[in-house]
């Protein structure tokens, strides 16, 4: 555990039985960023600014705590009732001191940094590349690079990619994307200290975000989706509350998890 952070999902308790690992965690009431992106399409720059600032604070916190995340993607970013982010799913994370390197090829192909795809040893800079992919996707409504079945093919596409952004995107946003999506990790932005000096970010107060004085939902075109819920009764007549855990956006792929006994 690395302690509590306002933009990282909080774990209240965990225990292990002979068969299962049980985790009781904070309930994010309004789904995930991927589902919201499907509904919203292209986000306003202010909404993107808020999401990127909050993610930067979470990543910087993990980095300073000695954690490399390695699977930053919209599906792993949950939302509370005001749209603030809650980073979750640390299944591919690794304890790694700042400056050290990892070598495992892991993550989600469309978000993976070129140094991972090229089977190089890599640093925490890979998480900031993924942040750039998310920023591009929120601003444009599409992924910068089409998906591939292998990391070899994906690496070739990343190398060949030249980013052409719509004229509707501000020069400040274009500059931020350019500095996050640099293929050489040594040239890439990779800390909160660098992010806050971007023209795209510096006009927003991180302190106000932490205090919830600025909320993402005020800058969305649509209302936040709510996590679905239903009640079920087992054979003994006890009533349980089930909540849909957001997964890939398909109507027939519901995953239900029992979260509490009433």
Protein backbone atom coordinates (compact mmCIF):
# COMPACT_ATOMS: atom_id res chain seq x y z
CA UNK A 1 0.00 0.00 0.00
CA UNK A 2 1.21 3.52 -0.70
CA UNK A 3 -1.23 5.49 1.45
CA UNK A 4 -4.22 7.58 0.48
CA UNK A 5 -4.47 9.93 -2.49
CA UNK A 6 -7.63 11.80 -3.54
CA UNK A 7 -7.37 10.58 -7.14
CA UNK A 8 -6.52 6.93 -6.44
CA UNK A 9 -9.17 4.41 -5.40
CA UNK A 10 -8.99 3.75 -1.68
CA UNK A 11 -8.76 0.22 -0.29
CA UNK A 12 -10.46 -0.09 3.08
CA UNK A 13 -9.73 -3.71 3.88
CA UNK A 14 -8.41 -6.89 2.30
CA UNK A 15 -8.20 -10.50 3.35
CA UNK A 16 -7.61 -13.89 1.81
CA UNK A 17 -9.58 -17.10 2.21
CA UNK A 18 -8.51 -20.54 1.06
CA UNK A 19 -9.99 -19.86 -2.36
CA UNK A 20 -10.38 -16.11 -2.92
CA UNK A 21 -8.74 -12.77 -2.29
CA UNK A 22 -11.28 -10.25 -0.97
CA UNK A 23 -10.85 -6.49 -1.30
CA UNK A 24 -13.20 -3.86 0.09
CA UNK A 25 -12.64 -0.58 -1.69
CA UNK A 26 -14.11 2.83 -2.25
CA UNK A 27 -17.19 2.79 -4.50
CA UNK A 28 -16.90 4.99 -7.59
CA UNK A 29 -20.50 5.88 -8.38
CA UNK A 30 -20.29 7.08 -11.98
CA UNK A 31 -18.59 4.45 -14.08
CA UNK A 32 -15.29 4.88 -15.89
CA UNK A 33 -13.69 7.34 -18.27
CA UNK A 34 -13.97 4.95 -21.22
CA UNK A 35 -17.75 4.74 -20.89
CA UNK A 36 -17.97 8.51 -20.54
CA UNK A 37 -15.78 8.92 -23.64
CA UNK A 38 -18.13 6.69 -25.65
CA UNK A 39 -21.00 8.97 -24.65
CA UNK A 40 -19.17 12.30 -24.84
CA UNK A 41 -17.07 11.81 -27.97
CA UNK A 42 -14.88 14.92 -28.01
CA UNK A 43 -14.36 16.61 -24.63
CA UNK A 44 -14.00 20.31 -23.98
CA UNK A 45 -10.41 21.41 -23.40
CA UNK A 46 -11.26 22.46 -19.84
CA UNK A 47 -12.58 18.98 -19.03
CA UNK A 48 -9.45 17.42 -20.56
CA UNK A 49 -7.26 19.83 -18.59
CA UNK A 50 -8.91 18.73 -15.34
CA UNK A 51 -8.59 15.02 -16.12
CA UNK A 52 -4.93 15.35 -17.17
CA UNK A 53 -4.08 17.42 -14.08
CA UNK A 54 -5.70 14.88 -11.76
CA UNK A 55 -4.05 11.93 -13.50
CA UNK A 56 -0.69 13.73 -13.35
CA UNK A 57 -1.06 14.17 -9.60
CA UNK A 58 -1.90 10.48 -9.18
CA UNK A 59 1.00 9.31 -11.39
CA UNK A 60 3.48 11.61 -9.70
CA UNK A 61 2.36 10.35 -6.29
CA UNK A 62 2.86 6.73 -7.37
CA UNK A 63 6.21 7.50 -8.98
CA UNK A 64 7.51 9.15 -5.81
CA UNK A 65 6.21 6.21 -3.77
CA UNK A 66 8.22 3.83 -5.95
CA UNK A 67 5.39 2.42 -8.10
CA UNK A 68 5.33 2.13 -11.89
CA UNK A 69 1.70 1.69 -13.02
CA UNK A 70 2.12 0.23 -16.54
CA UNK A 71 -1.54 -0.01 -17.57
CA UNK A 72 -2.87 3.54 -17.68
CA UNK A 73 -5.98 3.54 -19.86
CA UNK A 74 -9.48 4.97 -19.76
CA UNK A 75 -11.01 1.70 -18.54
CA UNK A 76 -8.89 1.90 -15.38
CA UNK A 77 -9.99 5.42 -14.50
CA UNK A 78 -13.18 5.42 -12.43
CA UNK A 79 -15.28 8.53 -11.75
CA UNK A 80 -17.00 9.84 -8.63
CA UNK A 81 -20.27 11.77 -8.52
CA UNK A 82 -18.60 15.01 -9.63
CA UNK A 83 -16.50 13.40 -12.35
CA UNK A 84 -13.21 13.44 -10.45
CA UNK A 85 -10.98 10.51 -11.32
CA UNK A 86 -10.17 7.47 -9.20
CA UNK A 87 -7.27 5.44 -10.60
CA UNK A 88 -7.80 1.72 -10.05
CA UNK A 89 -6.59 -1.76 -11.10
CA UNK A 90 -2.95 -2.13 -10.06
CA UNK A 91 -2.62 -5.65 -11.46
CA UNK A 92 0.35 -4.76 -13.70
CA UNK A 93 1.96 -2.29 -11.32
CA UNK A 94 5.41 -2.90 -9.91
CA UNK A 95 7.42 -1.58 -7.00
CA UNK A 96 10.31 0.23 -8.64
CA UNK A 97 12.42 3.06 -7.30
CA UNK A 98 12.61 6.22 -9.35
CA UNK A 99 15.46 5.92 -11.86
CA UNK A 100 15.39 2.11 -11.99
CA UNK A 101 14.24 0.16 -15.03
CA UNK A 102 11.82 -2.66 -15.79
CA UNK A 103 11.79 -5.04 -18.75
CA UNK A 104 8.47 -6.93 -18.78
CA UNK A 105 6.32 -6.36 -21.88
CA UNK A 106 2.91 -5.61 -20.41
CA UNK A 107 0.02 -3.18 -20.67
CA UNK A 108 -2.58 -2.45 -23.34
CA UNK A 109 -1.10 -2.17 -26.84
CA UNK A 110 -2.67 1.14 -27.89
CA UNK A 111 -1.37 2.80 -24.72
CA UNK A 112 2.07 1.18 -24.56
CA UNK A 113 5.13 3.39 -24.91
CA UNK A 114 7.50 2.71 -27.83
CA UNK A 115 10.30 1.58 -25.52
CA UNK A 116 8.09 -1.23 -24.15
CA UNK A 117 6.96 -2.23 -27.65
CA UNK A 118 10.61 -2.35 -28.74
CA UNK A 119 11.51 -4.67 -25.84
CA UNK A 120 13.81 -2.11 -24.22
CA UNK A 121 14.32 -1.63 -20.50
CA UNK A 122 12.11 1.25 -19.42
CA UNK A 123 11.40 3.73 -16.63
CA UNK A 124 8.34 5.49 -15.19
CA UNK A 125 8.31 7.56 -18.39
CA UNK A 126 6.09 4.88 -19.96
CA UNK A 127 3.16 5.99 -17.78
CA UNK A 128 3.43 9.55 -19.07
CA UNK A 129 3.28 8.32 -22.68
CA UNK A 130 0.01 6.58 -21.80
CA UNK A 131 -1.22 9.86 -20.32
CA UNK A 132 -0.52 11.50 -23.69
CA UNK A 133 -2.54 8.80 -25.47
CA UNK A 134 -5.49 9.47 -23.16
CA UNK A 135 -5.21 13.22 -23.71
CA UNK A 136 -5.17 12.78 -27.50
CA UNK A 137 -8.19 10.47 -27.38
CA UNK A 138 -10.26 12.81 -25.20
CA UNK A 139 -9.47 15.83 -27.37
CA UNK A 140 -10.09 14.19 -30.76
CA UNK A 141 -12.61 11.44 -30.08
CA UNK A 142 -10.33 8.72 -31.49
CA UNK A 143 -7.13 6.84 -30.72
CA UNK A 144 -4.00 8.26 -32.35
CA UNK A 145 -2.92 4.86 -33.67
CA UNK A 146 -5.03 1.90 -34.76
CA UNK A 147 -4.72 -1.19 -32.60
CA UNK A 148 -2.59 -4.18 -33.58
CA UNK A 149 -2.44 -7.85 -32.62
CA UNK A 150 1.25 -7.89 -31.68
CA UNK A 151 3.64 -5.46 -30.04
CA UNK A 152 5.94 -5.73 -33.09
CA UNK A 153 3.22 -4.40 -35.41
CA UNK A 154 2.21 -1.76 -32.90
CA UNK A 155 5.81 -0.55 -32.59
CA UNK A 156 6.06 -0.14 -36.37
CA UNK A 157 2.88 1.93 -36.37
CA UNK A 158 4.09 4.11 -33.50
CA UNK A 159 7.40 4.78 -35.26
CA UNK A 160 5.67 5.71 -38.51
CA UNK A 161 3.01 7.89 -36.88
CA UNK A 162 3.03 11.63 -37.49
CA UNK A 163 0.40 13.38 -35.41
CA UNK A 164 -1.88 15.72 -37.32
CA UNK A 165 -4.31 17.43 -34.95
CA UNK A 166 -7.58 19.16 -35.86
CA UNK A 167 -7.36 22.94 -36.20
CA UNK A 168 -9.97 23.24 -33.44
CA UNK A 169 -7.41 22.13 -30.84
CA UNK A 170 -5.56 25.00 -29.18
CA UNK A 171 -1.83 25.54 -29.59
CA UNK A 172 -1.42 24.99 -25.82
CA UNK A 173 -3.04 21.56 -26.06
CA UNK A 174 -0.95 20.68 -29.14
CA UNK A 175 2.23 21.61 -27.28
CA UNK A 176 1.27 19.43 -24.31
CA UNK A 177 0.56 16.47 -26.57
CA UNK A 178 3.84 16.93 -28.44
CA UNK A 179 5.80 16.84 -25.19
CA UNK A 180 3.96 13.82 -23.76
CA UNK A 181 4.09 11.76 -26.96
CA UNK A 182 7.79 12.06 -27.71
CA UNK A 183 9.17 8.71 -28.76
CA UNK A 184 12.46 9.24 -26.91
CA UNK A 185 11.61 8.87 -23.20
CA UNK A 186 14.45 11.22 -22.28
CA UNK A 187 12.68 14.03 -24.15
CA UNK A 188 9.23 13.20 -22.77
CA UNK A 189 7.48 14.98 -19.91
CA UNK A 190 7.52 12.63 -16.93
CA UNK A 191 6.70 14.47 -13.72
CA UNK A 192 4.07 16.71 -12.19
CA UNK A 193 6.72 19.40 -11.82
CA UNK A 194 7.04 19.53 -15.62
CA UNK A 195 3.32 19.20 -16.31
CA UNK A 196 2.34 22.21 -14.19
CA UNK A 197 4.52 24.50 -16.32
CA UNK A 198 2.62 23.67 -19.49
CA UNK A 199 0.51 26.54 -20.77
CA UNK A 200 -2.33 24.04 -21.12
CA UNK A 201 -2.28 23.27 -17.39
CA UNK A 202 -0.85 26.25 -15.55
CA UNK A 203 -4.07 28.27 -15.52
CA UNK A 204 -5.80 25.66 -13.38
CA UNK A 205 -5.22 25.41 -9.62
CA UNK A 206 -4.21 21.95 -8.42
CA UNK A 207 -5.16 22.96 -4.89
CA UNK A 208 -8.69 23.81 -6.03
CA UNK A 209 -8.95 20.43 -7.75
CA UNK A 210 -7.92 18.61 -4.58
CA UNK A 211 -10.43 20.65 -2.56
CA UNK A 212 -13.14 19.82 -5.15
CA UNK A 213 -13.71 23.51 -5.90
CA UNK A 214 -13.37 22.75 -9.63
CA UNK A 215 -15.35 19.79 -10.93
CA UNK A 216 -15.15 18.01 -14.31
CA UNK A 217 -18.91 17.56 -14.61
CA UNK A 218 -19.35 21.33 -15.03
CA UNK A 219 -17.43 21.12 -18.32
CA UNK A 220 -19.09 18.06 -19.85
CA UNK A 221 -21.63 18.18 -22.66
CA UNK A 222 -23.53 15.22 -21.23
CA UNK A 223 -24.49 14.09 -17.76
CA UNK A 224 -22.21 11.61 -16.05
CA UNK A 225 -23.36 8.00 -16.48
CA UNK A 226 -24.34 6.27 -13.26
CA UNK A 227 -23.14 2.83 -12.28
CA UNK A 228 -26.11 0.47 -12.61
CA UNK A 229 -27.39 -1.39 -9.57
CA UNK A 230 -29.82 -4.17 -8.88
CA UNK A 231 -30.92 -6.25 -5.92
CA UNK A 232 -30.95 -10.02 -5.80
CA UNK A 233 -32.09 -12.58 -3.25
CA UNK A 234 -30.22 -15.84 -2.72
CA UNK A 235 -31.79 -19.19 -1.82
CA UNK A 236 -31.76 -18.39 1.90
CA UNK A 237 -33.80 -15.25 1.34
CA UNK A 238 -31.01 -12.78 2.14
CA UNK A 239 -30.88 -9.69 -0.01
CA UNK A 240 -27.67 -8.55 -1.65
CA UNK A 241 -26.79 -5.39 -3.53
CA UNK A 242 -25.08 -5.90 -6.87
CA UNK A 243 -23.35 -3.17 -8.81
CA UNK A 244 -22.20 -3.26 -12.38
CA UNK A 245 -18.47 -2.88 -12.67
CA UNK A 246 -17.86 -0.98 -15.95
CA UNK A 247 -16.12 -3.14 -18.53
CA UNK A 248 -15.74 -2.88 -22.29
CA UNK A 249 -18.74 -0.96 -23.61
CA UNK A 250 -20.94 -3.83 -24.75
CA UNK A 251 -24.55 -4.31 -23.78
CA UNK A 252 -24.31 -8.09 -23.46
CA UNK A 253 -21.09 -8.22 -21.44
CA UNK A 254 -22.27 -7.33 -17.94
CA UNK A 255 -20.04 -8.28 -15.04
CA UNK A 256 -21.75 -8.23 -11.64
CA UNK A 257 -19.91 -8.20 -8.32
CA UNK A 258 -21.47 -8.51 -4.91
CA UNK A 259 -20.30 -5.51 -2.91
CA UNK A 260 -22.30 -5.60 0.31
CA UNK A 261 -24.85 -7.60 2.24
CA UNK A 262 -27.91 -5.57 3.26
